Amino acid sequence: MSASRSESRLQRLLPAPLNIPPREWLRAAIGALLGLFLAGWLTSMAFGTGIALHLLGPLAASAVLVFAVHSGPLAQPWPVLGSYAVAGVVGLAMRQSFGAELWVAAAALGISILVMCLLRCLHPPGGGVAVSAVLADSGLSAMGDRLLEPVLLNALILVAVAVLYNRLTGVCYPKGAAPRKDLHHTHDPLPSERVGIRGEDLDQALGELGEFVDVTRDELERIILATEQHALQRSLGGITAASVMSRDVQFASPETTLEQAWRMLASHHLKTLPVLQHGKLVGIVSLSDLVGPAMLRGRFSWRGLFSRKAIRMAQVMSRRVISVSSQHPLERLLPLLCEQGLHCLPVVDGDQLVGVITQTDLIAGLKRQLLSRTEGSGQRVPAL
């Protein structure tokens, strides 16, 4: 018992593991090495080795942020550049006014934090720049106001290397807000956003927390949505497209006429038709694809049917078809049929069309899963 208690106490003392793969460690380490070396080398070429080496401390801390914690709000280009400029100005002003004393360096640090927060450019290494400017050696102090030049040059080079290196290694930097999907060009939120966590909920929660959280709201929202996706995958219990798809598929060919397609959609109460040629899926046609050509032909008449050239599906079908396999997990069908505005997903195994999944099929599958889970728990199900 005592051994288990000791082990539990030891685990509480240990830091939480970093959720970063080892490959990312190496990527960040190489990037920080390149960024610090290039900034230090170019600054030494322009202002001398002594000045460049004196300013490397804050720069090294910035390199850790922009390469290893690149998605955080403190690591974005504006905090880096803005904090270096603010801290350099405050440090120089405090040194010229009060001298190179310890209390002056501490005061410069405090004032820099206030101004950085006001200008939304909080960046921890900026505090090191302010202290370095106050406690500068004789070589740096002799530069006077020109000390801002190597400070800003360091920041500019580091940010430029970070943008180039991060993007070359597959990392989106700087981090911008994710564009909102607007398929229908209305003010309504997406169907997946109408129930559950919203952006204003995150703003309120962060405000109630009363502390600084080193993650942007967009990043936090993406983390929560990804967590919900994994929870949904677990709750659906491995249901695949094969479980909910319609197998008796009604389809057209590239030579099917406009009138034939209309009759097929009407008789089977469908909104889309897969288009097959020699047994392979080559396109898909929907009601919206047929409305335009039908309106161009004007009002139908028997004379018009015989005198006008028939419109074939090859002329109106969409050739870029989004399809899934029969083993596609059900939870991954939700964004396709809800957010991307698709009404029908062909199910293809190899080159063979084996079924289709409509929004109705998806709703029926979710209802069946809800009923089975509730029956297992003994709870009463509300009428659907």
Protein backbone atom coordinates (compact mmCIF):
# COMPACT_ATOMS: atom_id res chain seq x y z
CA MET A 1 0.00 0.00 0.00
CA SER A 2 2.80 2.41 0.92
CA ALA A 3 4.62 1.60 -2.35
CA SER A 4 1.52 2.43 -4.41
CA ARG A 5 1.06 5.70 -2.52
CA SER A 6 4.69 6.66 -3.13
CA GLU A 7 4.31 5.86 -6.83
CA SER A 8 1.12 7.95 -7.00
CA ARG A 9 2.85 10.92 -5.37
CA LEU A 10 5.77 10.59 -7.76
CA GLN A 11 3.42 10.61 -10.75
CA ARG A 12 1.76 13.79 -9.48
CA LEU A 13 5.17 15.48 -9.26
CA LEU A 14 6.15 14.53 -12.80
CA PRO A 15 5.08 16.92 -15.59
CA ALA A 16 2.37 15.87 -17.99
CA PRO A 17 3.67 14.31 -21.24
CA LEU A 18 3.89 16.54 -24.29
CA ASN A 19 1.35 15.59 -26.95
CA ILE A 20 3.98 16.15 -29.63
CA PRO A 21 5.37 13.33 -31.80
CA PRO A 22 9.18 12.89 -31.84
CA ARG A 23 9.26 13.85 -35.52
CA GLU A 24 7.94 17.28 -34.53
CA TRP A 25 10.72 17.58 -31.92
CA LEU A 26 13.32 17.17 -34.65
CA ARG A 27 11.54 19.55 -37.00
CA ALA A 28 11.35 22.26 -34.33
CA ALA A 29 14.97 21.74 -33.24
CA ILE A 30 16.33 22.10 -36.79
CA GLY A 31 14.17 25.17 -37.40
CA ALA A 32 15.29 26.88 -34.18
CA LEU A 33 18.92 26.11 -35.04
CA LEU A 34 18.59 27.65 -38.51
CA GLY A 35 16.63 30.67 -37.30
CA LEU A 36 19.00 31.56 -34.48
CA PHE A 37 22.13 30.99 -36.56
CA LEU A 38 20.97 33.04 -39.54
CA ALA A 39 19.71 35.93 -37.39
CA GLY A 40 22.88 36.00 -35.30
CA TRP A 41 25.17 35.70 -38.33
CA LEU A 42 23.49 38.44 -40.34
CA THR A 43 23.30 40.76 -37.34
CA SER A 44 27.01 40.20 -36.60
CA MET A 45 27.81 41.03 -40.22
CA ALA A 46 25.88 44.28 -39.97
CA PHE A 47 26.70 45.46 -36.43
CA GLY A 48 29.56 43.33 -35.12
CA THR A 49 29.90 40.03 -33.30
CA GLY A 50 29.80 41.50 -29.79
CA ILE A 51 26.45 43.19 -30.30
CA ALA A 52 24.94 40.13 -31.99
CA LEU A 53 26.04 37.77 -29.20
CA HIS A 54 24.66 40.08 -26.47
CA LEU A 55 21.18 39.90 -28.04
CA LEU A 56 21.07 36.14 -28.63
CA GLY A 57 19.43 35.25 -25.29
CA PRO A 58 15.94 36.67 -25.97
CA LEU A 59 16.22 35.59 -29.60
CA ALA A 60 16.83 31.96 -28.59
CA ALA A 61 13.69 32.01 -26.43
CA SER A 62 11.71 33.43 -29.35
CA ALA A 63 13.05 30.66 -31.59
CA VAL A 64 11.61 28.03 -29.24
CA LEU A 65 8.18 29.62 -29.51
CA VAL A 66 8.00 30.23 -33.27
CA PHE A 67 9.28 26.77 -34.17
CA ALA A 68 8.12 24.49 -31.31
CA VAL A 69 4.91 26.27 -30.23
CA HIS A 70 4.08 27.82 -33.59
CA SER A 71 0.29 27.63 -33.21
CA GLY A 72 0.17 29.61 -29.95
CA PRO A 73 -0.92 33.27 -29.93
CA LEU A 74 2.40 34.33 -28.35
CA ALA A 75 4.40 32.89 -31.25
CA GLN A 76 2.75 34.73 -34.13
CA PRO A 77 4.67 37.35 -36.16
CA TRP A 78 2.99 40.42 -34.67
CA PRO A 79 3.76 39.50 -31.02
CA VAL A 80 7.39 38.81 -31.96
CA LEU A 81 7.94 42.03 -33.92
CA GLY A 82 5.74 44.21 -31.74
CA SER A 83 7.22 43.01 -28.46
CA TYR A 84 10.80 43.54 -29.63
CA ALA A 85 9.98 47.08 -30.75
CA VAL A 86 8.07 47.93 -27.55
CA ALA A 87 10.65 46.38 -25.24
CA GLY A 88 13.55 48.03 -27.07
CA VAL A 89 11.97 51.50 -26.85
CA VAL A 90 11.00 51.10 -23.17
CA GLY A 91 14.41 49.68 -22.20
CA LEU A 92 16.33 52.47 -23.94
CA ALA A 93 14.08 55.18 -22.47
CA MET A 94 14.44 53.78 -18.94
CA ARG A 95 18.23 53.47 -19.23
CA GLN A 96 18.67 57.00 -20.53
CA SER A 97 16.39 58.39 -17.81
CA PHE A 98 17.50 56.43 -14.74
CA GLY A 99 20.70 54.58 -15.62
CA ALA A 100 21.70 50.93 -15.67
CA GLU A 101 20.35 49.76 -12.28
CA LEU A 102 18.60 46.57 -11.26
CA TRP A 103 15.39 48.35 -10.27
CA VAL A 104 15.39 50.16 -13.61
CA ALA A 105 15.59 46.82 -15.47
CA ALA A 106 12.72 45.43 -13.35
CA ALA A 107 10.61 48.54 -13.99
CA ALA A 108 11.32 48.34 -17.73
CA LEU A 109 10.12 44.74 -17.70
CA GLY A 110 6.86 45.65 -15.93
CA ILE A 111 6.14 48.61 -18.23
CA SER A 112 6.91 46.49 -21.31
CA ILE A 113 4.39 43.86 -20.23
CA LEU A 114 1.69 46.51 -19.77
CA VAL A 115 2.33 48.06 -23.19
CA MET A 116 2.57 44.65 -24.92
CA CYS A 117 -0.79 43.63 -23.46
CA LEU A 118 -2.29 46.94 -24.56
CA LEU A 119 -1.00 46.48 -28.11
CA ARG A 120 -1.86 42.73 -28.19
CA CYS A 121 1.75 41.74 -28.82
CA LEU A 122 2.58 39.87 -25.61
CA HIS A 123 5.72 37.79 -26.20
CA PRO A 124 7.78 36.56 -23.19
CA PRO A 125 11.24 37.01 -24.79
CA GLY A 126 10.36 40.68 -25.25
CA GLY A 127 10.90 41.07 -21.52
CA GLY A 128 14.45 39.83 -22.02
CA VAL A 129 14.97 42.49 -24.70
CA ALA A 130 13.87 45.23 -22.28
CA VAL A 131 16.24 44.02 -19.56
CA SER A 132 19.10 43.61 -22.06
CA ALA A 133 18.61 47.19 -23.25
CA VAL A 134 18.80 48.55 -19.68
CA LEU A 135 21.78 46.40 -18.59
CA ALA A 136 23.66 46.70 -21.89
CA ASP A 137 27.43 46.67 -21.81
CA SER A 138 29.53 49.59 -22.96
CA GLY A 139 29.52 48.45 -26.60
CA LEU A 140 25.71 48.37 -26.75
CA SER A 141 25.17 51.53 -24.71
CA ALA A 142 27.46 53.44 -27.09
CA MET A 143 24.96 52.78 -29.90
CA GLY A 144 22.30 54.87 -28.19
CA ASP A 145 18.99 54.84 -30.04
CA ARG A 146 20.56 52.80 -32.84
CA LEU A 147 20.34 49.77 -30.55
CA LEU A 148 16.82 49.31 -31.90
CA GLU A 149 18.27 48.45 -35.31
CA PRO A 150 19.95 45.12 -34.39
CA VAL A 151 17.02 44.26 -32.10
CA LEU A 152 14.45 44.67 -34.89
CA LEU A 153 16.76 43.04 -37.46
CA ASN A 154 16.97 39.95 -35.26
CA ALA A 155 13.18 39.79 -34.98
CA LEU A 156 12.61 40.30 -38.71
CA ILE A 157 15.09 37.59 -39.73
CA LEU A 158 13.72 35.09 -37.20
CA VAL A 159 10.11 35.66 -38.33
CA ALA A 160 11.09 35.39 -42.01
CA VAL A 161 12.93 32.11 -41.41
CA ALA A 162 10.01 30.81 -39.31
CA VAL A 163 7.44 31.58 -42.03
CA LEU A 164 9.56 29.97 -44.76
CA TYR A 165 10.74 26.93 -42.80
CA ASN A 166 7.40 26.14 -41.16
CA ARG A 167 5.56 26.24 -44.47
CA LEU A 168 8.22 24.17 -46.24
CA THR A 169 7.84 21.52 -43.52
CA GLY A 170 4.05 21.41 -43.75
CA VAL A 171 3.16 23.75 -40.88
CA CYS A 172 0.68 26.60 -41.33
CA TYR A 173 2.44 29.70 -39.97
CA PRO A 174 1.38 32.35 -39.21
CA LYS A 175 -1.83 30.93 -37.85
CA GLY A 176 -4.90 32.65 -39.22
CA ALA A 177 -8.55 32.25 -38.43
CA ALA A 178 -10.15 29.32 -40.23
CA PRO A 179 -12.47 30.53 -43.03
CA ARG A 180 -16.13 29.96 -42.34
CA LYS A 181 -17.88 27.58 -44.71
CA ASP A 182 -20.80 29.29 -46.37
CA LEU A 183 -22.30 26.94 -48.93
CA HIS A 184 -25.75 28.53 -48.99
CA HIS A 185 -24.62 32.18 -48.58
CA THR A 186 -26.91 32.83 -45.63
CA HIS A 187 -26.36 34.05 -42.08
CA ASP A 188 -27.38 30.71 -40.60
CA PRO A 189 -24.64 28.75 -38.83
CA LEU A 190 -23.67 25.37 -40.23
CA PRO A 191 -25.93 22.48 -39.22
CA SER A 192 -23.14 21.05 -37.06
CA GLU A 193 -22.80 24.39 -35.25
CA ARG A 194 -26.48 24.85 -34.40
CA VAL A 195 -26.32 22.33 -31.56
CA GLY A 196 -23.33 22.06 -29.25
CA ILE A 197 -20.45 24.41 -28.54
CA ARG A 198 -20.38 27.77 -30.30
CA GLY A 199 -17.74 30.48 -30.54
CA GLU A 200 -19.54 32.73 -28.06
CA ASP A 201 -19.59 29.84 -25.56
CA LEU A 202 -15.80 29.65 -25.76
CA ASP A 203 -15.47 33.41 -25.33
CA GLN A 204 -17.64 33.30 -22.23
CA ALA A 205 -15.77 30.32 -20.77
CA LEU A 206 -12.39 31.96 -21.37
CA GLY A 207 -13.66 35.16 -19.77
CA GLU A 208 -14.93 33.28 -16.72
CA LEU A 209 -11.61 31.48 -16.39
CA GLY A 210 -9.94 34.81 -15.66
CA GLU A 211 -6.51 33.59 -16.73
CA PHE A 212 -4.40 33.75 -19.86
CA VAL A 213 -4.57 30.55 -21.92
CA ASP A 214 -1.76 30.07 -24.45
CA VAL A 215 -4.05 28.92 -27.24
CA THR A 216 -6.15 30.90 -29.68
CA ARG A 217 -9.92 30.58 -29.63
CA ASP A 218 -9.87 29.06 -33.13
CA GLU A 219 -7.32 26.45 -32.04
CA LEU A 220 -9.35 25.66 -28.92
CA GLU A 221 -12.49 25.27 -31.02
CA ARG A 222 -10.70 22.90 -33.39
CA ILE A 223 -9.46 20.83 -30.45
CA ILE A 224 -12.96 20.55 -29.01
CA LEU A 225 -14.49 19.63 -32.38
CA ALA A 226 -11.83 16.97 -32.94
CA THR A 227 -12.52 15.59 -29.45
CA GLU A 228 -16.24 15.47 -30.21
CA GLN A 229 -15.49 13.66 -33.47
CA HIS A 230 -13.50 10.95 -31.67
CA ALA A 231 -16.26 10.62 -29.06
CA LEU A 232 -18.84 10.27 -31.85
CA GLN A 233 -16.73 7.60 -33.52
CA ARG A 234 -16.60 5.65 -30.28
CA SER A 235 -20.33 6.01 -29.61
CA LEU A 236 -21.36 4.87 -33.10
CA GLY A 237 -19.59 1.58 -32.51
CA GLY A 238 -17.98 1.05 -35.89
CA ILE A 239 -21.06 1.41 -38.11
CA THR A 240 -19.98 1.64 -41.74
CA ALA A 241 -21.50 2.85 -44.99
CA ALA A 242 -22.45 -0.73 -45.90
CA SER A 243 -24.86 -0.79 -42.96
CA VAL A 244 -27.00 2.13 -44.11
CA MET A 245 -26.58 2.35 -47.89
CA SER A 246 -29.32 1.64 -50.45
CA ARG A 247 -28.27 -1.30 -52.63
CA ASP A 248 -30.96 -1.19 -55.36
CA VAL A 249 -29.37 1.75 -57.16
CA GLN A 250 -31.24 3.67 -59.84
CA PHE A 251 -28.76 5.11 -62.33
CA ALA A 252 -28.51 6.81 -65.68
CA SER A 253 -26.03 6.56 -68.52
CA PRO A 254 -24.32 9.40 -70.41
CA GLU A 255 -26.85 8.85 -73.23
CA THR A 256 -29.91 9.13 -70.98
CA THR A 257 -32.06 12.07 -72.10
CA LEU A 258 -33.30 14.92 -69.97
CA GLU A 259 -36.88 13.65 -70.11
CA GLN A 260 -35.87 10.11 -69.12
CA ALA A 261 -33.89 11.42 -66.15
CA TRP A 262 -36.87 13.51 -65.00
CA ARG A 263 -39.15 10.47 -65.11
CA MET A 264 -36.66 8.33 -63.16
CA LEU A 265 -36.26 10.96 -60.44
CA ALA A 266 -40.02 11.50 -60.19
CA SER A 267 -41.03 7.84 -60.17
CA HIS A 268 -38.50 6.87 -57.49
CA HIS A 269 -38.74 10.11 -55.47
CA LEU A 270 -35.02 10.79 -55.87
CA LYS A 271 -32.93 13.96 -56.01
CA THR A 272 -29.79 12.54 -57.64
CA LEU A 273 -28.82 9.86 -60.14
CA PRO A 274 -25.38 8.27 -60.51
CA VAL A 275 -24.22 8.11 -64.13
CA LEU A 276 -22.58 4.82 -65.15
CA GLN A 277 -20.74 3.97 -68.34
CA HIS A 278 -19.72 0.34 -68.91
CA GLY A 279 -20.40 -0.31 -65.24
CA LYS A 280 -18.08 2.46 -63.99
CA LEU A 281 -19.14 5.63 -62.20
CA VAL A 282 -18.39 8.58 -64.51
CA GLY A 283 -20.60 11.31 -63.06
CA ILE A 284 -23.64 12.27 -61.07
CA VAL A 285 -26.68 14.36 -61.95
CA SER A 286 -29.03 16.13 -59.53
CA LEU A 287 -32.29 18.03 -59.77
CA SER A 288 -30.38 21.32 -59.85
CA ASP A 289 -28.39 20.07 -62.85
CA LEU A 290 -31.62 19.39 -64.76
CA VAL A 291 -33.54 22.55 -63.88
CA GLY A 292 -31.30 24.89 -65.88
CA PRO A 293 -31.46 22.97 -69.19
CA ALA A 294 -35.21 22.40 -68.73
CA MET A 295 -35.84 26.13 -68.27
CA LEU A 296 -33.74 26.94 -71.34
CA ARG A 297 -35.91 24.65 -73.43
CA GLY A 298 -38.98 26.54 -72.29
CA ARG A 299 -42.38 24.97 -71.88
CA PHE A 300 -42.49 21.36 -73.04
CA SER A 301 -44.82 20.36 -75.89
CA TRP A 302 -45.14 17.30 -78.13
CA ARG A 303 -43.90 19.36 -81.10
CA GLY A 304 -40.90 20.51 -79.10
CA LEU A 305 -40.03 16.99 -78.03
CA PHE A 306 -39.79 15.79 -81.65
CA SER A 307 -38.25 18.88 -83.24
CA ARG A 308 -35.60 19.76 -80.70
CA LYS A 309 -32.35 17.93 -80.15
CA ALA A 310 -32.39 15.79 -77.04
CA ILE A 311 -30.23 16.84 -74.09
CA ARG A 312 -28.11 13.98 -72.78
CA MET A 313 -26.74 13.44 -69.28
CA ALA A 314 -23.18 13.68 -70.63
CA GLN A 315 -23.91 17.39 -71.23
CA VAL A 316 -25.23 18.27 -67.77
CA MET A 317 -23.76 15.76 -65.29
CA SER A 318 -21.09 16.64 -62.73
CA ARG A 319 -17.97 14.67 -63.54
CA ARG A 320 -16.24 15.36 -60.23
CA VAL A 321 -17.94 12.87 -57.93
CA ILE A 322 -17.27 12.46 -54.22
CA SER A 323 -17.68 8.79 -53.36
CA VAL A 324 -16.97 6.58 -50.35
CA SER A 325 -16.21 2.91 -49.83
CA SER A 326 -18.51 0.43 -48.14
CA GLN A 327 -16.20 0.40 -45.10
CA HIS A 328 -16.31 4.19 -44.68
CA PRO A 329 -17.18 4.96 -41.01
CA LEU A 330 -20.59 6.49 -40.47
CA GLU A 331 -19.26 9.47 -38.47
CA ARG A 332 -17.16 10.54 -41.46
CA LEU A 333 -20.27 10.68 -43.64
CA LEU A 334 -21.86 13.37 -41.47
CA PRO A 335 -19.73 16.31 -42.68
CA LEU A 336 -20.18 15.26 -46.32
CA LEU A 337 -23.96 15.06 -46.18
CA CYS A 338 -24.53 17.90 -43.69
CA GLU A 339 -21.89 20.59 -44.20
CA GLN A 340 -20.83 20.13 -47.83
CA GLY A 341 -24.38 20.16 -49.13
CA LEU A 342 -24.25 16.72 -50.79
CA HIS A 343 -27.58 14.86 -51.09
CA CYS A 344 -26.19 11.54 -52.29
CA LEU A 345 -22.91 9.69 -51.84
CA PRO A 346 -22.13 6.83 -54.24
CA VAL A 347 -20.55 3.83 -52.52
CA VAL A 348 -17.80 2.35 -54.68
CA ASP A 349 -15.68 -0.73 -54.00
CA GLY A 350 -12.90 -0.88 -56.53
CA ASP A 351 -14.54 0.23 -59.77
CA GLN A 352 -17.95 -1.21 -58.90
CA LEU A 353 -20.88 0.90 -57.68
CA VAL A 354 -22.38 -1.12 -54.82
CA GLY A 355 -24.83 1.38 -53.36
CA VAL A 356 -25.70 4.97 -52.55
CA ILE A 357 -26.19 6.82 -49.28
CA THR A 358 -28.69 9.66 -49.10
CA GLN A 359 -29.44 12.02 -46.24
CA THR A 360 -32.51 9.88 -45.53
CA ASP A 361 -30.35 6.75 -45.23
CA LEU A 362 -28.04 8.58 -42.82
CA ILE A 363 -30.91 9.77 -40.61
CA ALA A 364 -32.38 6.26 -40.53
CA GLY A 365 -29.02 4.80 -39.51
CA LEU A 366 -28.58 7.34 -36.71
CA LYS A 367 -32.11 6.68 -35.49
CA ARG A 368 -31.49 2.94 -35.42
CA GLN A 369 -28.28 3.46 -33.46
CA LEU A 370 -30.05 5.74 -30.98
CA LEU A 371 -32.79 3.16 -30.44
CA SER A 372 -30.32 0.30 -29.92
CA ARG A 373 -28.28 2.29 -27.40
CA THR A 374 -31.38 3.32 -25.46
CA GLU A 375 -32.77 -0.22 -25.40
CA GLY A 376 -29.49 -1.44 -23.97
CA SER A 377 -29.54 1.17 -21.21
CA GLY A 378 -33.22 0.63 -20.36
CA GLN A 379 -34.10 4.31 -20.89
CA ARG A 380 -37.29 5.49 -22.55
CA VAL A 381 -36.92 6.96 -26.04
CA PRO A 382 -38.85 10.09 -27.03
CA ALA A 383 -41.02 9.72 -30.12
CA LEU A 384 -39.06 10.36 -33.32
